[in-house]
Amino acid sequence: MPDSDAIDYAAQSRKLAAAVREAGAIALKTFRGTIRSWTKGHDSPVSEADIAVDEFLRGALAQPGVGWLSEETIDDLARLESRRVHVVDPIDGTRAYLAGLPDWAISAALVEDGRPVAAALFAPVTDELFVAARGQGATLNAMPIIATGGDTLDGARVAGPKNYLERFARLGPQIGMVPKIHSLALRLTRVAQGEIDAAFASANSRDWDLAAADLLVHEAGGTLTTATGEPVVYNLQDPVHGALLAAGRARHGRMLDLVRDRWKQIA
């Protein structure tokens, strides 16, 4: 039977794309300029730009019956009662933003029943707009993207925390270690783009770091999972996740076989 509550994922992705692009223009106004910033939680930076983008996105994306989860909004657990929720990181890579570096991004996804179904990620400095909708592929500036194929680990370009990369290399693969990409969402999306072959994410990432990139990776023919091969589930009461790895499907399988029983040697 048809789902009476079904929505148009492509239309939702277009809405997200328009919103993150406009949000990028807001963030660029104060990029490399004078801006007030402070720290929160465990020494996590936040700036006036984060707050301005958060407020804009919440207004632009508001939909009846759709919950909201953002790094810069106090968590309202009423979202748990919603089948769908917008998951947003106003500026992923705030440290890079404040340092005047280019590798930060604005990330937004629509999650349905615990998994992303529409996504947009915008890197304003490089003018890269990534968009995906469930079952309809992923694009960069309206051109299709695909994760790299093959299952070879030797020579693979891999990004992630330096200690993860060094310990993974000790397991045998002669990998090429990619310089740090400050935005986790952008790091994972580079896998979807085929710019890099694989990426690690350390433990304690949040829904907002991952949801948009997760869909982009899968729609580009890749896989993003936990270190034991489980998919990431979103919109749970605690939106915190363990270590993750992303790659094209065949290479992801090889990596998973290598690390599954030896993860403690890496993390």
C-alpha atoms as a PDB file:
ATOM      1  CA  MET A   1       0.000   0.000   0.000  1.00  0.00           C
ATOM      2  CA  PRO A   2       1.256   3.543  -0.687  1.00  0.00           C
ATOM      3  CA  ASP A   3       2.528   5.554   2.251  1.00  0.00           C
ATOM      4  CA  SER A   4      -0.071   8.251   2.901  1.00  0.00           C
ATOM      5  CA  ASP A   5       2.596  10.224   4.728  1.00  0.00           C
ATOM      6  CA  ALA A   6       5.126  10.022   1.877  1.00  0.00           C
ATOM      7  CA  ILE A   7       7.041  13.146   0.859  1.00  0.00           C
ATOM      8  CA  ASP A   8       9.093  14.185  -2.167  1.00  0.00           C
ATOM      9  CA  TYR A   9      12.719  13.666  -1.127  1.00  0.00           C
ATOM     10  CA  ALA A  10      14.090  15.520  -4.157  1.00  0.00           C
ATOM     11  CA  ALA A  11      11.953  18.557  -3.366  1.00  0.00           C
ATOM     12  CA  GLN A  12      13.145  18.436   0.226  1.00  0.00           C
ATOM     13  CA  SER A  13      16.771  18.298  -0.913  1.00  0.00           C
ATOM     14  CA  ARG A  14      16.236  21.343  -3.124  1.00  0.00           C
ATOM     15  CA  LYS A  15      14.800  23.231  -0.174  1.00  0.00           C
ATOM     16  CA  LEU A  16      17.804  22.290   1.944  1.00  0.00           C
ATOM     17  CA  ALA A  17      20.180  23.311  -0.835  1.00  0.00           C
ATOM     18  CA  ALA A  18      18.636  26.759  -1.217  1.00  0.00           C
ATOM     19  CA  ALA A  19      18.759  27.276   2.540  1.00  0.00           C
ATOM     20  CA  VAL A  20      22.396  26.270   3.058  1.00  0.00           C
ATOM     21  CA  ARG A  21      23.535  28.384   0.122  1.00  0.00           C
ATOM     22  CA  GLU A  22      21.821  31.458   1.563  1.00  0.00           C
ATOM     23  CA  ALA A  23      23.196  30.589   4.997  1.00  0.00           C
ATOM     24  CA  GLY A  24      26.662  30.465   3.459  1.00  0.00           C
ATOM     25  CA  ALA A  25      26.299  34.034   2.278  1.00  0.00           C
ATOM     26  CA  ILE A  26      25.444  35.039   5.849  1.00  0.00           C
ATOM     27  CA  ALA A  27      28.529  33.301   7.209  1.00  0.00           C
ATOM     28  CA  LEU A  28      30.819  34.802   4.576  1.00  0.00           C
ATOM     29  CA  LYS A  29      29.907  38.321   5.685  1.00  0.00           C
ATOM     30  CA  THR A  30      32.000  37.923   8.833  1.00  0.00           C
ATOM     31  CA  PHE A  31      34.522  35.337   7.593  1.00  0.00           C
ATOM     32  CA  ARG A  32      38.092  36.612   8.125  1.00  0.00           C
ATOM     33  CA  GLY A  33      36.629  39.689   9.784  1.00  0.00           C
ATOM     34  CA  THR A  34      36.077  40.819  13.343  1.00  0.00           C
ATOM     35  CA  ILE A  35      33.610  38.569  15.113  1.00  0.00           C
ATOM     36  CA  ARG A  36      32.802  37.654  18.696  1.00  0.00           C
ATOM     37  CA  SER A  37      33.431  34.043  19.690  1.00  0.00           C
ATOM     38  CA  TRP A  38      33.416  32.033  22.908  1.00  0.00           C
ATOM     39  CA  THR A  39      33.672  28.439  24.099  1.00  0.00           C
ATOM     40  CA  LYS A  40      31.012  26.030  25.270  1.00  0.00           C
ATOM     41  CA  GLY A  41      30.982  22.534  26.725  1.00  0.00           C
ATOM     42  CA  HIS A  42      34.308  20.751  26.373  1.00  0.00           C
ATOM     43  CA  ASP A  43      36.245  23.674  24.885  1.00  0.00           C
ATOM     44  CA  SER A  44      34.092  23.756  21.747  1.00  0.00           C
ATOM     45  CA  PRO A  45      34.182  27.125  19.943  1.00  0.00           C
ATOM     46  CA  VAL A  46      31.087  28.999  18.856  1.00  0.00           C
ATOM     47  CA  SER A  47      30.737  32.381  17.195  1.00  0.00           C
ATOM     48  CA  GLU A  48      28.152  34.983  16.342  1.00  0.00           C
ATOM     49  CA  ALA A  49      28.153  33.532  12.818  1.00  0.00           C
ATOM     50  CA  ASP A  50      27.133  30.086  14.126  1.00  0.00           C
ATOM     51  CA  ILE A  51      24.180  31.638  15.926  1.00  0.00           C
ATOM     52  CA  ALA A  52      23.133  33.818  12.985  1.00  0.00           C
ATOM     53  CA  VAL A  53      23.203  30.872  10.581  1.00  0.00           C
ATOM     54  CA  ASP A  54      21.331  28.668  13.052  1.00  0.00           C
ATOM     55  CA  GLU A  55      18.550  31.223  13.425  1.00  0.00           C
ATOM     56  CA  PHE A  56      18.280  31.669   9.674  1.00  0.00           C
ATOM     57  CA  LEU A  57      18.122  27.939   8.949  1.00  0.00           C
ATOM     58  CA  ARG A  58      15.535  27.288  11.612  1.00  0.00           C
ATOM     59  CA  GLY A  59      13.257  29.866  10.043  1.00  0.00           C
ATOM     60  CA  ALA A  60      13.948  28.778   6.466  1.00  0.00           C
ATOM     61  CA  LEU A  61      13.422  25.069   7.085  1.00  0.00           C
ATOM     62  CA  ALA A  62      10.505  25.132   9.523  1.00  0.00           C
ATOM     63  CA  GLN A  63       7.775  22.644   8.583  1.00  0.00           C
ATOM     64  CA  PRO A  64       4.730  21.488  10.538  1.00  0.00           C
ATOM     65  CA  GLY A  65       5.348  18.155  12.220  1.00  0.00           C
ATOM     66  CA  VAL A  66       9.095  18.146  11.525  1.00  0.00           C
ATOM     67  CA  GLY A  67      11.406  18.217  14.541  1.00  0.00           C
ATOM     68  CA  TRP A  68      14.622  20.190  14.921  1.00  0.00           C
ATOM     69  CA  LEU A  69      18.104  19.204  16.078  1.00  0.00           C
ATOM     70  CA  SER A  70      20.987  21.649  15.740  1.00  0.00           C
ATOM     71  CA  GLU A  71      24.364  22.055  17.355  1.00  0.00           C
ATOM     72  CA  GLU A  72      23.495  25.622  18.297  1.00  0.00           C
ATOM     73  CA  THR A  73      19.933  25.156  19.586  1.00  0.00           C
ATOM     74  CA  ILE A  74      19.013  23.808  23.016  1.00  0.00           C
ATOM     75  CA  ASP A  75      17.822  20.267  22.404  1.00  0.00           C
ATOM     76  CA  ASP A  76      14.067  19.874  22.580  1.00  0.00           C
ATOM     77  CA  LEU A  77      13.332  16.193  23.120  1.00  0.00           C
ATOM     78  CA  ALA A  78       9.921  16.702  21.588  1.00  0.00           C
ATOM     79  CA  ARG A  79      11.785  15.836  18.382  1.00  0.00           C
ATOM     80  CA  LEU A  80      11.673  12.193  19.499  1.00  0.00           C
ATOM     81  CA  GLU A  81       7.943  12.199  18.875  1.00  0.00           C
ATOM     82  CA  SER A  82       8.438  13.237  15.246  1.00  0.00           C
ATOM     83  CA  ARG A  83       8.923  10.781  12.426  1.00  0.00           C
ATOM     84  CA  ARG A  84      10.974  13.430  10.641  1.00  0.00           C
ATOM     85  CA  VAL A  85      13.521  15.905  11.963  1.00  0.00           C
ATOM     86  CA  HIS A  86      15.840  18.478  10.443  1.00  0.00           C
ATOM     87  CA  VAL A  87      19.412  17.907  11.591  1.00  0.00           C
ATOM     88  CA  VAL A  88      21.632  20.944  11.150  1.00  0.00           C
ATOM     89  CA  ASP A  89      25.175  22.083  11.803  1.00  0.00           C
ATOM     90  CA  PRO A  90      25.215  25.850  11.154  1.00  0.00           C
ATOM     91  CA  ILE A  91      29.009  25.904  10.758  1.00  0.00           C
ATOM     92  CA  ASP A  92      30.776  22.560  10.832  1.00  0.00           C
ATOM     93  CA  GLY A  93      34.416  23.405  11.411  1.00  0.00           C
ATOM     94  CA  THR A  94      34.040  26.549  13.510  1.00  0.00           C
ATOM     95  CA  ARG A  95      37.734  26.428  14.451  1.00  0.00           C
ATOM     96  CA  ALA A  96      38.638  26.608  10.765  1.00  0.00           C
ATOM     97  CA  TYR A  97      36.131  29.407  10.237  1.00  0.00           C
ATOM     98  CA  LEU A  98      37.606  31.469  13.052  1.00  0.00           C
ATOM     99  CA  ALA A  99      41.151  30.778  11.852  1.00  0.00           C
ATOM    100  CA  GLY A 100      40.347  31.994   8.337  1.00  0.00           C
ATOM    101  CA  LEU A 101      40.773  28.526   6.806  1.00  0.00           C
ATOM    102  CA  PRO A 102      38.563  27.334   3.935  1.00  0.00           C
ATOM    103  CA  ASP A 103      37.527  23.859   5.147  1.00  0.00           C
ATOM    104  CA  TRP A 104      34.273  24.609   6.955  1.00  0.00           C
ATOM    105  CA  ALA A 105      30.769  23.913   5.765  1.00  0.00           C
ATOM    106  CA  ILE A 106      27.076  24.323   6.455  1.00  0.00           C
ATOM    107  CA  SER A 107      25.286  21.004   6.787  1.00  0.00           C
ATOM    108  CA  ALA A 108      21.565  20.212   6.768  1.00  0.00           C
ATOM    109  CA  ALA A 109      19.634  16.971   6.450  1.00  0.00           C
ATOM    110  CA  LEU A 110      16.101  15.711   6.740  1.00  0.00           C
ATOM    111  CA  VAL A 111      16.012  12.496   8.767  1.00  0.00           C
ATOM    112  CA  GLU A 112      13.053  10.123   8.505  1.00  0.00           C
ATOM    113  CA  ASP A 113      12.630   7.111  10.773  1.00  0.00           C
ATOM    114  CA  GLY A 114      16.220   7.425  11.951  1.00  0.00           C
ATOM    115  CA  ARG A 115      17.948   7.742   8.573  1.00  0.00           C
ATOM    116  CA  PRO A 116      18.685  10.748   6.307  1.00  0.00           C
ATOM    117  CA  VAL A 117      16.507  11.045   3.205  1.00  0.00           C
ATOM    118  CA  ALA A 118      17.490  14.503   1.934  1.00  0.00           C
ATOM    119  CA  ALA A 119      20.726  16.389   2.427  1.00  0.00           C
ATOM    120  CA  ALA A 120      22.667  19.483   1.440  1.00  0.00           C
ATOM    121  CA  LEU A 121      26.158  20.557   2.404  1.00  0.00           C
ATOM    122  CA  PHE A 122      27.672  23.862   1.295  1.00  0.00           C
ATOM    123  CA  ALA A 123      31.336  24.863   1.491  1.00  0.00           C
ATOM    124  CA  PRO A 124      31.075  28.626   0.917  1.00  0.00           C
ATOM    125  CA  VAL A 125      34.760  29.465   0.447  1.00  0.00           C
ATOM    126  CA  THR A 126      35.151  27.007  -2.435  1.00  0.00           C
ATOM    127  CA  ASP A 127      31.536  27.432  -3.619  1.00  0.00           C
ATOM    128  CA  GLU A 128      30.813  23.695  -3.473  1.00  0.00           C
ATOM    129  CA  LEU A 129      27.194  22.674  -3.022  1.00  0.00           C
ATOM    130  CA  PHE A 130      26.607  18.954  -2.404  1.00  0.00           C
ATOM    131  CA  VAL A 131      23.034  17.644  -2.594  1.00  0.00           C
ATOM    132  CA  ALA A 132      21.464  14.206  -2.219  1.00  0.00           C
ATOM    133  CA  ALA A 133      18.022  12.631  -2.027  1.00  0.00           C
ATOM    134  CA  ARG A 134      17.326   9.024  -1.089  1.00  0.00           C
ATOM    135  CA  GLY A 135      17.447   6.767  -4.126  1.00  0.00           C
ATOM    136  CA  GLN A 136      18.325   9.615  -6.489  1.00  0.00           C
ATOM    137  CA  GLY A 137      22.099   9.957  -6.283  1.00  0.00           C
ATOM    138  CA  ALA A 138      24.365  12.735  -5.110  1.00  0.00           C
ATOM    139  CA  THR A 139      25.659  15.836  -6.889  1.00  0.00           C
ATOM    140  CA  LEU A 140      28.266  18.557  -6.585  1.00  0.00           C
ATOM    141  CA  ASN A 141      27.124  21.819  -8.157  1.00  0.00           C
ATOM    142  CA  ALA A 142      24.444  19.844 -10.036  1.00  0.00           C
ATOM    143  CA  MET A 143      26.925  17.307 -11.467  1.00  0.00           C
ATOM    144  CA  PRO A 144      26.778  13.643 -10.339  1.00  0.00           C
ATOM    145  CA  ILE A 145      29.469  12.425  -7.948  1.00  0.00           C
ATOM    146  CA  ILE A 146      30.580   8.919  -7.078  1.00  0.00           C
ATOM    147  CA  ALA A 147      32.882   7.408  -4.484  1.00  0.00           C
ATOM    148  CA  THR A 148      36.034   5.742  -5.781  1.00  0.00           C
ATOM    149  CA  GLY A 149      35.714   2.084  -6.698  1.00  0.00           C
ATOM    150  CA  GLY A 150      37.909  -0.925  -6.036  1.00  0.00           C
ATOM    151  CA  ASP A 151      38.938  -2.528  -2.779  1.00  0.00           C
ATOM    152  CA  THR A 152      42.658  -1.732  -2.742  1.00  0.00           C
ATOM    153  CA  LEU A 153      43.969  -0.285   0.516  1.00  0.00           C
ATOM    154  CA  ASP A 154      47.610   0.191  -0.503  1.00  0.00           C
ATOM    155  CA  GLY A 155      47.885   3.699  -1.890  1.00  0.00           C
ATOM    156  CA  ALA A 156      44.386   4.670  -0.746  1.00  0.00           C
ATOM    157  CA  ARG A 157      43.997   8.321   0.250  1.00  0.00           C
ATOM    158  CA  VAL A 158      42.599   8.255   3.775  1.00  0.00           C
ATOM    159  CA  ALA A 159      41.607  11.169   6.029  1.00  0.00           C
ATOM    160  CA  GLY A 160      40.946  11.227   9.745  1.00  0.00           C
ATOM    161  CA  PRO A 161      42.563  11.821  13.121  1.00  0.00           C
ATOM    162  CA  LYS A 162      46.332  11.413  12.790  1.00  0.00           C
ATOM    163  CA  ASN A 163      46.529   8.748  15.489  1.00  0.00           C
ATOM    164  CA  TYR A 164      43.840   6.690  13.731  1.00  0.00           C
ATOM    165  CA  LEU A 165      45.687   6.856  10.423  1.00  0.00           C
ATOM    166  CA  GLU A 166      49.018   5.916  11.955  1.00  0.00           C
ATOM    167  CA  ARG A 167      47.553   2.950  13.839  1.00  0.00           C
ATOM    168  CA  PHE A 168      45.575   1.788  10.819  1.00  0.00           C
ATOM    169  CA  ALA A 169      48.764   1.851   8.738  1.00  0.00           C
ATOM    170  CA  ARG A 170      50.446  -0.369  11.335  1.00  0.00           C
ATOM    171  CA  LEU A 171      47.911  -3.070  10.465  1.00  0.00           C
ATOM    172  CA  GLY A 172      49.574  -3.349   7.069  1.00  0.00           C
ATOM    173  CA  PRO A 173      48.080  -0.992   4.429  1.00  0.00           C
ATOM    174  CA  GLN A 174      50.468   1.519   2.849  1.00  0.00           C
ATOM    175  CA  ILE A 175      47.958   4.342   2.816  1.00  0.00           C
ATOM    176  CA  GLY A 176      48.340   7.934   1.765  1.00  0.00           C
ATOM    177  CA  MET A 177      47.502  10.094   4.780  1.00  0.00           C
ATOM    178  CA  VAL A 178      45.410  13.104   3.734  1.00  0.00           C
ATOM    179  CA  PRO A 179      46.087  16.410   5.560  1.00  0.00           C
ATOM    180  CA  LYS A 180      43.513  17.323   8.179  1.00  0.00           C
ATOM    181  CA  ILE A 181      40.081  18.386   6.969  1.00  0.00           C
ATOM    182  CA  HIS A 182      38.659  20.421   9.853  1.00  0.00           C
ATOM    183  CA  SER A 183      34.982  19.937   9.030  1.00  0.00           C
ATOM    184  CA  LEU A 184      34.009  16.326   9.741  1.00  0.00           C
ATOM    185  CA  ALA A 185      30.973  16.630   7.462  1.00  0.00           C
ATOM    186  CA  LEU A 186      33.193  17.890   4.645  1.00  0.00           C
ATOM    187  CA  ARG A 187      35.792  15.159   5.315  1.00  0.00           C
ATOM    188  CA  LEU A 188      33.158  12.448   4.850  1.00  0.00           C
ATOM    189  CA  THR A 189      31.683  14.226   1.851  1.00  0.00           C
ATOM    190  CA  ARG A 190      35.102  14.194   0.154  1.00  0.00           C
ATOM    191  CA  VAL A 191      34.664  10.401   0.139  1.00  0.00           C
ATOM    192  CA  ALA A 192      31.331  10.796  -1.669  1.00  0.00           C
ATOM    193  CA  GLN A 193      33.003  13.138  -4.133  1.00  0.00           C
ATOM    194  CA  GLY A 194      35.869  10.727  -4.817  1.00  0.00           C
ATOM    195  CA  GLU A 195      38.386  13.346  -3.716  1.00  0.00           C
ATOM    196  CA  ILE A 196      39.638  10.873  -1.103  1.00  0.00           C
ATOM    197  CA  ASP A 197      39.151   7.121  -0.881  1.00  0.00           C
ATOM    198  CA  ALA A 198      38.234   6.663   2.783  1.00  0.00           C
ATOM    199  CA  ALA A 199      37.820   8.530   6.048  1.00  0.00           C
ATOM    200  CA  PHE A 200      37.688   7.842   9.760  1.00  0.00           C
ATOM    201  CA  ALA A 201      35.656   9.759  12.338  1.00  0.00           C
ATOM    202  CA  SER A 202      36.646   9.486  15.979  1.00  0.00           C
ATOM    203  CA  ALA A 203      34.139   8.757  18.734  1.00  0.00           C
ATOM    204  CA  ASN A 204      31.823  11.472  20.077  1.00  0.00           C
ATOM    205  CA  SER A 205      30.621  12.911  16.779  1.00  0.00           C
ATOM    206  CA  ARG A 206      27.014  14.108  16.826  1.00  0.00           C
ATOM    207  CA  ASP A 207      24.038  13.732  14.528  1.00  0.00           C
ATOM    208  CA  TRP A 208      24.619  17.197  13.094  1.00  0.00           C
ATOM    209  CA  ASP A 209      28.206  16.323  12.108  1.00  0.00           C
ATOM    210  CA  LEU A 210      27.092  13.260  10.185  1.00  0.00           C
ATOM    211  CA  ALA A 211      23.540  13.152   8.834  1.00  0.00           C
ATOM    212  CA  ALA A 212      23.974  15.097   5.587  1.00  0.00           C
ATOM    213  CA  ALA A 213      27.355  13.539   4.794  1.00  0.00           C
ATOM    214  CA  ASP A 214      25.977  10.066   5.543  1.00  0.00           C
ATOM    215  CA  LEU A 215      23.353  10.342   2.810  1.00  0.00           C
ATOM    216  CA  LEU A 216      25.828  11.899   0.382  1.00  0.00           C
ATOM    217  CA  VAL A 217      28.244   9.008   0.881  1.00  0.00           C
ATOM    218  CA  HIS A 218      25.561   6.345   0.389  1.00  0.00           C
ATOM    219  CA  GLU A 219      23.965   8.023  -2.619  1.00  0.00           C
ATOM    220  CA  ALA A 220      27.432   8.313  -4.203  1.00  0.00           C
ATOM    221  CA  GLY A 221      27.924   4.548  -3.952  1.00  0.00           C
ATOM    222  CA  GLY A 222      29.810   4.473  -0.684  1.00  0.00           C
ATOM    223  CA  THR A 223      29.170   3.264   2.832  1.00  0.00           C
ATOM    224  CA  LEU A 224      29.415   4.936   6.240  1.00  0.00           C
ATOM    225  CA  THR A 225      29.126   2.688   9.288  1.00  0.00           C
ATOM    226  CA  THR A 226      30.295   2.078  12.801  1.00  0.00           C
ATOM    227  CA  ALA A 227      33.529   0.154  13.345  1.00  0.00           C
ATOM    228  CA  THR A 228      31.464  -3.034  13.543  1.00  0.00           C
ATOM    229  CA  GLY A 229      29.583  -2.390  10.305  1.00  0.00           C
ATOM    230  CA  GLU A 230      26.303  -1.070  11.706  1.00  0.00           C
ATOM    231  CA  PRO A 231      24.496   1.863  10.041  1.00  0.00           C
ATOM    232  CA  VAL A 232      24.278   5.116  11.954  1.00  0.00           C
ATOM    233  CA  VAL A 233      20.845   5.752  13.484  1.00  0.00           C
ATOM    234  CA  TYR A 234      19.761   9.364  13.983  1.00  0.00           C
ATOM    235  CA  ASN A 235      17.284  11.224  16.170  1.00  0.00           C
ATOM    236  CA  LEU A 236      17.826   9.097  19.252  1.00  0.00           C
ATOM    237  CA  GLN A 237      17.654  10.651  22.706  1.00  0.00           C
ATOM    238  CA  ASP A 238      21.447  10.864  22.879  1.00  0.00           C
ATOM    239  CA  PRO A 239      22.720  12.001  19.443  1.00  0.00           C
ATOM    240  CA  VAL A 240      26.324  10.913  20.135  1.00  0.00           C
ATOM    241  CA  HIS A 241      28.114   8.239  18.110  1.00  0.00           C
ATOM    242  CA  GLY A 242      31.157   6.008  18.331  1.00  0.00           C
ATOM    243  CA  ALA A 243      34.001   5.802  15.831  1.00  0.00           C
ATOM    244  CA  LEU A 244      33.006   5.527  12.166  1.00  0.00           C
ATOM    245  CA  LEU A 245      34.533   4.750   8.797  1.00  0.00           C
ATOM    246  CA  ALA A 246      33.476   5.700   5.270  1.00  0.00           C
ATOM    247  CA  ALA A 247      34.629   4.524   1.837  1.00  0.00           C
ATOM    248  CA  GLY A 248      33.356   3.165  -1.464  1.00  0.00           C
ATOM    249  CA  ARG A 249      31.473  -0.072  -0.834  1.00  0.00           C
ATOM    250  CA  ALA A 250      34.185  -2.558  -1.822  1.00  0.00           C
ATOM    251  CA  ARG A 251      36.974  -0.681  -0.055  1.00  0.00           C
ATOM    252  CA  HIS A 252      34.792  -0.178   3.008  1.00  0.00           C
ATOM    253  CA  GLY A 253      34.317  -3.942   3.192  1.00  0.00           C
ATOM    254  CA  ARG A 254      38.063  -4.526   3.079  1.00  0.00           C
ATOM    255  CA  MET A 255      38.668  -1.907   5.775  1.00  0.00           C
ATOM    256  CA  LEU A 256      35.957  -3.366   7.951  1.00  0.00           C
ATOM    257  CA  ASP A 257      37.429  -6.849   7.653  1.00  0.00           C
ATOM    258  CA  LEU A 258      40.785  -5.454   8.743  1.00  0.00           C
ATOM    259  CA  VAL A 259      39.621  -3.409  11.728  1.00  0.00           C
ATOM    260  CA  ARG A 260      36.514  -5.195  13.007  1.00  0.00           C
ATOM    261  CA  ASP A 261      38.338  -7.313  15.588  1.00  0.00           C
ATOM    262  CA  ARG A 262      41.239  -4.937  16.112  1.00  0.00           C
ATOM    263  CA  TRP A 263      39.524  -1.601  16.587  1.00  0.00           C
ATOM    264  CA  LYS A 264      41.124  -1.052  19.978  1.00  0.00           C
ATOM    265  CA  GLN A 265      44.475  -0.975  18.193  1.00  0.00           C
ATOM    266  CA  ILE A 266      43.269   2.056  16.209  1.00  0.00           C
ATOM    267  CA  ALA A 267      40.893   4.106  18.345  1.00  0.00           C
END
